[in-house]
Amino acid sequence: MVNKILLIDDDEDILVELQESMMLLGFVCRCASNAKLALIELDRNPDIALIISDLRMPDQSGLRLLQILNERYTEGHRIPIIITSGHADMDDVITLFRNGAADFLPKPIHYEHLVEQLKRFFPEHQMG
């Protein structure tokens, strides 16, 4: 089984870099540049196993997306969401965890930290 990950970021350069890193690790990635497109991708790809989303985006924040997904999916069917940001403060991070974020990665995302998180969510996955 191939693990599918949804990447969400309004910065195309970050999105491409993250997608390339994930693909080298053997993951299939879907990408969206905003929360609205992310929800469409989720409807089209119900087998997405993990979401990595930027916190600050123009249309809706990663926090708002997290809240929408909590309403959409029941407790046993929630997709884990890792939120990323280069501008979050401690209050933001606490709010994210209180709203169900699986984890938080500060930007710039360090490759080693990303791999650690992926191993946690996909312990059986052979990286690369």
N, C-alpha and C. Protein backbone atom coordinates (compact mmCIF):
# COMPACT_ATOMS: atom_id res chain seq x y z
N MET A 1 0.84 -1.18 0.00
CA MET A 1 0.00 0.00 0.00
C MET A 1 0.89 1.25 0.00
N VAL A 2 0.55 2.19 -0.83
CA VAL A 2 1.30 3.44 -0.92
C VAL A 2 0.64 4.46 0.02
N ASN A 3 1.44 5.12 0.81
CA ASN A 3 0.93 6.14 1.73
C ASN A 3 0.81 7.46 0.99
N LYS A 4 -0.39 8.04 1.05
CA LYS A 4 -0.68 9.27 0.33
C LYS A 4 -0.79 10.43 1.32
N ILE A 5 -0.11 11.52 0.99
CA ILE A 5 -0.06 12.70 1.86
C ILE A 5 -0.54 13.92 1.09
N LEU A 6 -1.35 14.75 1.76
CA LEU A 6 -1.81 16.00 1.18
C LEU A 6 -0.96 17.14 1.75
N LEU A 7 -0.32 17.89 0.85
CA LEU A 7 0.52 19.03 1.22
C LEU A 7 -0.23 20.31 0.89
N ILE A 8 -0.27 21.25 1.84
CA ILE A 8 -1.01 22.50 1.63
C ILE A 8 -0.11 23.67 2.02
N ASP A 9 0.15 24.54 1.05
CA ASP A 9 0.94 25.75 1.31
C ASP A 9 0.69 26.73 0.18
N ASP A 10 0.55 28.00 0.51
CA ASP A 10 0.33 29.01 -0.52
C ASP A 10 1.63 29.44 -1.19
N ASP A 11 2.76 29.05 -0.64
CA ASP A 11 4.06 29.35 -1.24
C ASP A 11 4.45 28.19 -2.15
N GLU A 12 4.40 28.42 -3.46
CA GLU A 12 4.64 27.34 -4.42
C GLU A 12 6.03 26.74 -4.29
N ASP A 13 7.04 27.55 -4.00
CA ASP A 13 8.40 27.04 -3.85
C ASP A 13 8.49 26.04 -2.69
N ILE A 14 7.86 26.36 -1.58
CA ILE A 14 7.86 25.46 -0.43
C ILE A 14 7.10 24.18 -0.77
N LEU A 15 5.98 24.34 -1.45
CA LEU A 15 5.16 23.19 -1.83
C LEU A 15 5.93 22.23 -2.73
N VAL A 16 6.63 22.76 -3.72
CA VAL A 16 7.41 21.93 -4.64
C VAL A 16 8.56 21.24 -3.90
N GLU A 17 9.26 21.98 -3.06
CA GLU A 17 10.38 21.40 -2.30
C GLU A 17 9.91 20.28 -1.38
N LEU A 18 8.80 20.52 -0.69
CA LEU A 18 8.26 19.52 0.21
C LEU A 18 7.79 18.28 -0.56
N GLN A 19 7.13 18.51 -1.69
CA GLN A 19 6.66 17.40 -2.51
C GLN A 19 7.83 16.55 -3.01
N GLU A 20 8.88 17.20 -3.47
CA GLU A 20 10.06 16.46 -3.96
C GLU A 20 10.69 15.63 -2.84
N SER A 21 10.80 16.21 -1.65
CA SER A 21 11.35 15.47 -0.51
C SER A 21 10.50 14.26 -0.17
N MET A 22 9.20 14.44 -0.17
CA MET A 22 8.28 13.35 0.17
C MET A 22 8.33 12.24 -0.88
N MET A 23 8.41 12.63 -2.13
CA MET A 23 8.45 11.63 -3.20
C MET A 23 9.75 10.82 -3.13
N LEU A 24 10.86 11.46 -2.79
CA LEU A 24 12.13 10.74 -2.63
C LEU A 24 12.06 9.73 -1.49
N LEU A 25 11.20 10.00 -0.53
CA LEU A 25 11.01 9.09 0.60
C LEU A 25 9.99 7.99 0.30
N GLY A 26 9.43 8.03 -0.90
CA GLY A 26 8.51 6.97 -1.32
C GLY A 26 7.04 7.23 -1.06
N PHE A 27 6.67 8.48 -0.82
CA PHE A 27 5.28 8.82 -0.59
C PHE A 27 4.64 9.38 -1.86
N VAL A 28 3.35 9.19 -1.98
CA VAL A 28 2.57 9.81 -3.05
C VAL A 28 1.99 11.08 -2.45
N CYS A 29 2.12 12.18 -3.16
CA CYS A 29 1.66 13.47 -2.64
C CYS A 29 0.61 14.09 -3.55
N ARG A 30 -0.37 14.69 -2.92
CA ARG A 30 -1.32 15.57 -3.58
C ARG A 30 -1.01 16.95 -3.01
N CYS A 31 -1.18 17.98 -3.80
CA CYS A 31 -0.84 19.33 -3.36
C CYS A 31 -2.02 20.27 -3.54
N ALA A 32 -2.10 21.25 -2.65
CA ALA A 32 -3.10 22.30 -2.75
C ALA A 32 -2.48 23.60 -2.26
N SER A 33 -2.84 24.69 -2.92
CA SER A 33 -2.28 25.98 -2.55
C SER A 33 -3.14 26.76 -1.56
N ASN A 34 -4.30 26.20 -1.22
CA ASN A 34 -5.16 26.85 -0.22
C ASN A 34 -6.12 25.82 0.37
N ALA A 35 -6.84 26.23 1.41
CA ALA A 35 -7.73 25.32 2.13
C ALA A 35 -8.88 24.84 1.26
N LYS A 36 -9.42 25.71 0.44
CA LYS A 36 -10.54 25.33 -0.43
C LYS A 36 -10.13 24.21 -1.38
N LEU A 37 -8.97 24.35 -2.02
CA LEU A 37 -8.48 23.30 -2.92
C LEU A 37 -8.13 22.03 -2.14
N ALA A 38 -7.68 22.19 -0.91
CA ALA A 38 -7.35 21.03 -0.08
C ALA A 38 -8.60 20.20 0.20
N LEU A 39 -9.71 20.85 0.47
CA LEU A 39 -10.96 20.13 0.72
C LEU A 39 -11.41 19.38 -0.53
N ILE A 40 -11.20 19.96 -1.70
CA ILE A 40 -11.52 19.28 -2.96
C ILE A 40 -10.63 18.05 -3.12
N GLU A 41 -9.33 18.20 -2.84
CA GLU A 41 -8.40 17.06 -2.94
C GLU A 41 -8.82 15.94 -1.99
N LEU A 42 -9.26 16.29 -0.80
CA LEU A 42 -9.70 15.28 0.17
C LEU A 42 -10.94 14.54 -0.33
N ASP A 43 -11.85 15.26 -0.98
CA ASP A 43 -13.03 14.61 -1.55
C ASP A 43 -12.64 13.66 -2.68
N ARG A 44 -11.67 14.05 -3.48
CA ARG A 44 -11.22 13.23 -4.62
C ARG A 44 -10.32 12.08 -4.19
N ASN A 45 -9.67 12.22 -3.06
CA ASN A 45 -8.69 11.22 -2.59
C ASN A 45 -8.99 10.81 -1.15
N PRO A 46 -10.01 9.98 -0.95
CA PRO A 46 -10.38 9.60 0.42
C PRO A 46 -9.33 8.74 1.13
N ASP A 47 -8.32 8.30 0.38
CA ASP A 47 -7.27 7.46 0.98
C ASP A 47 -6.07 8.26 1.49
N ILE A 48 -6.19 9.58 1.55
CA ILE A 48 -5.10 10.39 2.10
C ILE A 48 -4.93 10.03 3.57
N ALA A 49 -3.68 9.76 3.95
CA ALA A 49 -3.40 9.26 5.30
C ALA A 49 -2.81 10.32 6.23
N LEU A 50 -2.34 11.44 5.67
CA LEU A 50 -1.72 12.50 6.48
C LEU A 50 -1.83 13.81 5.73
N ILE A 51 -2.01 14.89 6.48
CA ILE A 51 -2.04 16.24 5.90
C ILE A 51 -0.92 17.05 6.55
N ILE A 52 -0.17 17.76 5.71
CA ILE A 52 0.83 18.71 6.20
C ILE A 52 0.41 20.07 5.64
N SER A 53 0.05 20.99 6.53
CA SER A 53 -0.52 22.27 6.10
C SER A 53 0.19 23.45 6.74
N ASP A 54 0.34 24.49 5.95
CA ASP A 54 0.83 25.76 6.46
C ASP A 54 -0.22 26.36 7.39
N LEU A 55 0.20 27.12 8.37
CA LEU A 55 -0.73 27.78 9.28
C LEU A 55 -1.36 29.01 8.65
N ARG A 56 -0.54 29.85 8.05
CA ARG A 56 -1.03 31.13 7.53
C ARG A 56 -1.16 31.07 6.02
N MET A 57 -2.42 31.14 5.57
CA MET A 57 -2.73 31.14 4.14
C MET A 57 -3.77 32.22 3.89
N PRO A 58 -3.85 32.73 2.67
CA PRO A 58 -4.72 33.87 2.40
C PRO A 58 -6.22 33.61 2.58
N ASP A 59 -6.73 32.46 2.13
CA ASP A 59 -8.18 32.26 2.17
C ASP A 59 -8.69 31.80 3.53
N GLN A 60 -8.06 30.77 4.07
CA GLN A 60 -8.39 30.26 5.40
C GLN A 60 -7.10 29.78 6.03
N SER A 61 -7.02 29.92 7.32
CA SER A 61 -5.80 29.49 8.01
C SER A 61 -5.77 27.98 8.16
N GLY A 62 -4.60 27.47 8.48
CA GLY A 62 -4.47 26.06 8.79
C GLY A 62 -5.31 25.69 10.01
N LEU A 63 -5.45 26.62 10.96
CA LEU A 63 -6.30 26.39 12.12
C LEU A 63 -7.76 26.22 11.69
N ARG A 64 -8.22 27.09 10.81
CA ARG A 64 -9.62 26.97 10.35
C ARG A 64 -9.82 25.66 9.59
N LEU A 65 -8.85 25.28 8.78
CA LEU A 65 -8.93 24.00 8.06
C LEU A 65 -9.01 22.86 9.06
N LEU A 66 -8.23 22.91 10.10
CA LEU A 66 -8.25 21.90 11.15
C LEU A 66 -9.65 21.81 11.78
N GLN A 67 -10.25 22.94 12.05
CA GLN A 67 -11.60 22.97 12.63
C GLN A 67 -12.63 22.39 11.67
N ILE A 68 -12.53 22.73 10.39
CA ILE A 68 -13.45 22.18 9.38
C ILE A 68 -13.32 20.67 9.31
N LEU A 69 -12.10 20.18 9.31
CA LEU A 69 -11.89 18.73 9.22
C LEU A 69 -12.36 18.02 10.48
N ASN A 70 -12.25 18.65 11.63
CA ASN A 70 -12.77 18.06 12.87
C ASN A 70 -14.29 17.92 12.80
N GLU A 71 -14.95 18.87 12.15
CA GLU A 71 -16.40 18.80 11.98
C GLU A 71 -16.78 17.75 10.95
N ARG A 72 -15.96 17.61 9.93
CA ARG A 72 -16.26 16.72 8.81
C ARG A 72 -16.04 15.25 9.16
N TYR A 73 -14.98 14.97 9.90
CA TYR A 73 -14.60 13.59 10.20
C TYR A 73 -14.85 13.27 11.66
N THR A 74 -15.38 12.07 11.91
CA THR A 74 -15.61 11.64 13.29
C THR A 74 -14.28 11.24 13.92
N GLU A 75 -14.29 11.10 15.22
CA GLU A 75 -13.07 10.83 15.99
C GLU A 75 -12.25 9.68 15.42
N GLY A 76 -12.87 8.58 15.09
CA GLY A 76 -12.14 7.41 14.60
C GLY A 76 -11.66 7.51 13.17
N HIS A 77 -12.13 8.51 12.44
CA HIS A 77 -11.79 8.64 11.02
C HIS A 77 -11.01 9.90 10.69
N ARG A 78 -10.52 10.58 11.69
CA ARG A 78 -9.78 11.83 11.44
C ARG A 78 -8.43 11.55 10.81
N ILE A 79 -8.06 12.42 9.91
CA ILE A 79 -6.75 12.34 9.26
C ILE A 79 -5.79 13.19 10.10
N PRO A 80 -4.66 12.63 10.50
CA PRO A 80 -3.71 13.44 11.27
C PRO A 80 -3.22 14.64 10.45
N ILE A 81 -3.08 15.77 11.13
CA ILE A 81 -2.64 16.99 10.47
C ILE A 81 -1.43 17.56 11.20
N ILE A 82 -0.36 17.76 10.44
CA ILE A 82 0.83 18.44 10.94
C ILE A 82 0.76 19.87 10.40
N ILE A 83 0.85 20.85 11.28
CA ILE A 83 0.82 22.25 10.88
C ILE A 83 2.25 22.78 10.85
N THR A 84 2.56 23.57 9.83
CA THR A 84 3.87 24.19 9.70
C THR A 84 3.72 25.71 9.70
N SER A 85 4.73 26.40 10.19
CA SER A 85 4.71 27.86 10.13
C SER A 85 6.07 28.42 10.50
N GLY A 86 6.38 29.53 9.89
CA GLY A 86 7.58 30.27 10.24
C GLY A 86 7.25 31.47 11.10
N HIS A 87 5.96 31.63 11.42
CA HIS A 87 5.53 32.83 12.14
C HIS A 87 4.69 32.54 13.36
N ALA A 88 4.57 31.29 13.77
CA ALA A 88 3.71 30.94 14.90
C ALA A 88 4.40 31.25 16.22
N ASP A 89 3.61 31.73 17.17
CA ASP A 89 4.13 31.90 18.52
C ASP A 89 3.59 30.78 19.41
N MET A 90 3.96 30.77 20.66
CA MET A 90 3.56 29.69 21.56
C MET A 90 2.04 29.59 21.69
N ASP A 91 1.36 30.73 21.72
CA ASP A 91 -0.11 30.71 21.81
C ASP A 91 -0.72 30.03 20.59
N ASP A 92 -0.16 30.30 19.41
CA ASP A 92 -0.64 29.65 18.19
C ASP A 92 -0.50 28.14 18.29
N VAL A 93 0.66 27.70 18.73
CA VAL A 93 0.94 26.26 18.82
C VAL A 93 0.01 25.59 19.83
N ILE A 94 -0.21 26.23 20.96
CA ILE A 94 -1.13 25.68 21.97
C ILE A 94 -2.53 25.57 21.38
N THR A 95 -2.99 26.60 20.69
CA THR A 95 -4.31 26.59 20.06
C THR A 95 -4.42 25.47 19.04
N LEU A 96 -3.37 25.26 18.26
CA LEU A 96 -3.38 24.18 17.26
C LEU A 96 -3.54 22.82 17.93
N PHE A 97 -2.79 22.57 18.98
CA PHE A 97 -2.89 21.28 19.68
C PHE A 97 -4.26 21.11 20.33
N ARG A 98 -4.80 22.18 20.88
CA ARG A 98 -6.14 22.10 21.49
C ARG A 98 -7.21 21.81 20.45
N ASN A 99 -6.94 22.16 19.21
CA ASN A 99 -7.89 21.91 18.13
C ASN A 99 -7.58 20.63 17.36
N GLY A 100 -6.67 19.83 17.87
CA GLY A 100 -6.47 18.51 17.30
C GLY A 100 -5.30 18.33 16.36
N ALA A 101 -4.42 19.31 16.25
CA ALA A 101 -3.24 19.11 15.39
C ALA A 101 -2.43 17.93 15.93
N ALA A 102 -1.95 17.11 15.01
CA ALA A 102 -1.14 15.95 15.40
C ALA A 102 0.27 16.38 15.80
N ASP A 103 0.75 17.44 15.15
CA ASP A 103 2.08 17.96 15.48
C ASP A 103 2.28 19.31 14.83
N PHE A 104 3.40 19.93 15.16
CA PHE A 104 3.77 21.24 14.62
C PHE A 104 5.22 21.18 14.19
N LEU A 105 5.50 21.67 12.99
CA LEU A 105 6.88 21.77 12.50
C LEU A 105 7.17 23.23 12.15
N PRO A 106 8.18 23.83 12.78
CA PRO A 106 8.53 25.21 12.41
C PRO A 106 9.21 25.26 11.05
N LYS A 107 9.00 26.37 10.35
CA LYS A 107 9.68 26.60 9.07
C LYS A 107 10.92 27.43 9.34
N PRO A 108 11.97 27.23 8.59
CA PRO A 108 12.07 26.24 7.52
C PRO A 108 12.06 24.83 8.10
N ILE A 109 11.41 23.93 7.37
CA ILE A 109 11.30 22.55 7.82
C ILE A 109 12.63 21.84 7.58
N HIS A 110 13.17 21.30 8.64
CA HIS A 110 14.42 20.55 8.52
C HIS A 110 14.10 19.12 8.10
N TYR A 111 14.80 18.63 7.11
CA TYR A 111 14.56 17.32 6.54
C TYR A 111 14.54 16.23 7.62
N GLU A 112 15.47 16.28 8.55
CA GLU A 112 15.55 15.27 9.61
C GLU A 112 14.30 15.27 10.48
N HIS A 113 13.77 16.45 10.78
CA HIS A 113 12.55 16.54 11.59
C HIS A 113 11.36 15.98 10.82
N LEU A 114 11.31 16.26 9.53
CA LEU A 114 10.24 15.73 8.69
C LEU A 114 10.28 14.21 8.68
N VAL A 115 11.45 13.65 8.48
CA VAL A 115 11.60 12.19 8.45
C VAL A 115 11.18 11.58 9.79
N GLU A 116 11.55 12.21 10.89
CA GLU A 116 11.15 11.72 12.22
C GLU A 116 9.63 11.67 12.34
N GLN A 117 8.97 12.72 11.89
CA GLN A 117 7.50 12.75 11.95
C GLN A 117 6.89 11.67 11.07
N LEU A 118 7.41 11.52 9.89
CA LEU A 118 6.86 10.52 8.97
C LEU A 118 7.05 9.11 9.52
N LYS A 119 8.16 8.85 10.16
CA LYS A 119 8.39 7.53 10.78
C LYS A 119 7.37 7.28 11.89
N ARG A 120 7.01 8.34 12.59
CA ARG A 120 6.03 8.21 13.67
C ARG A 120 4.65 7.85 13.12
N PHE A 121 4.27 8.47 12.01
CA PHE A 121 2.95 8.22 11.44
C PHE A 121 2.91 6.97 10.56
N PHE A 122 4.04 6.62 9.98
CA PHE A 122 4.11 5.47 9.07
C PHE A 122 5.27 4.56 9.47
N PRO A 123 5.18 3.88 10.61
CA PRO A 123 6.31 3.07 11.10
C PRO A 123 6.69 1.92 10.17
N GLU A 124 5.76 1.45 9.35
CA GLU A 124 6.04 0.32 8.45
C GLU A 124 6.60 0.78 7.10
N HIS A 125 6.56 2.07 6.84
CA HIS A 125 6.98 2.60 5.53
C HIS A 125 8.50 2.53 5.39
N GLN A 126 8.94 2.03 4.27
CA GLN A 126 10.37 2.00 3.96
C GLN A 126 10.75 3.33 3.31
N MET A 127 11.44 4.18 4.05
CA MET A 127 11.81 5.50 3.54
C MET A 127 12.80 5.38 2.39
N GLY A 128 12.46 6.04 1.27
CA GLY A 128 13.36 6.08 0.13
C GLY A 128 13.32 4.81 -0.59
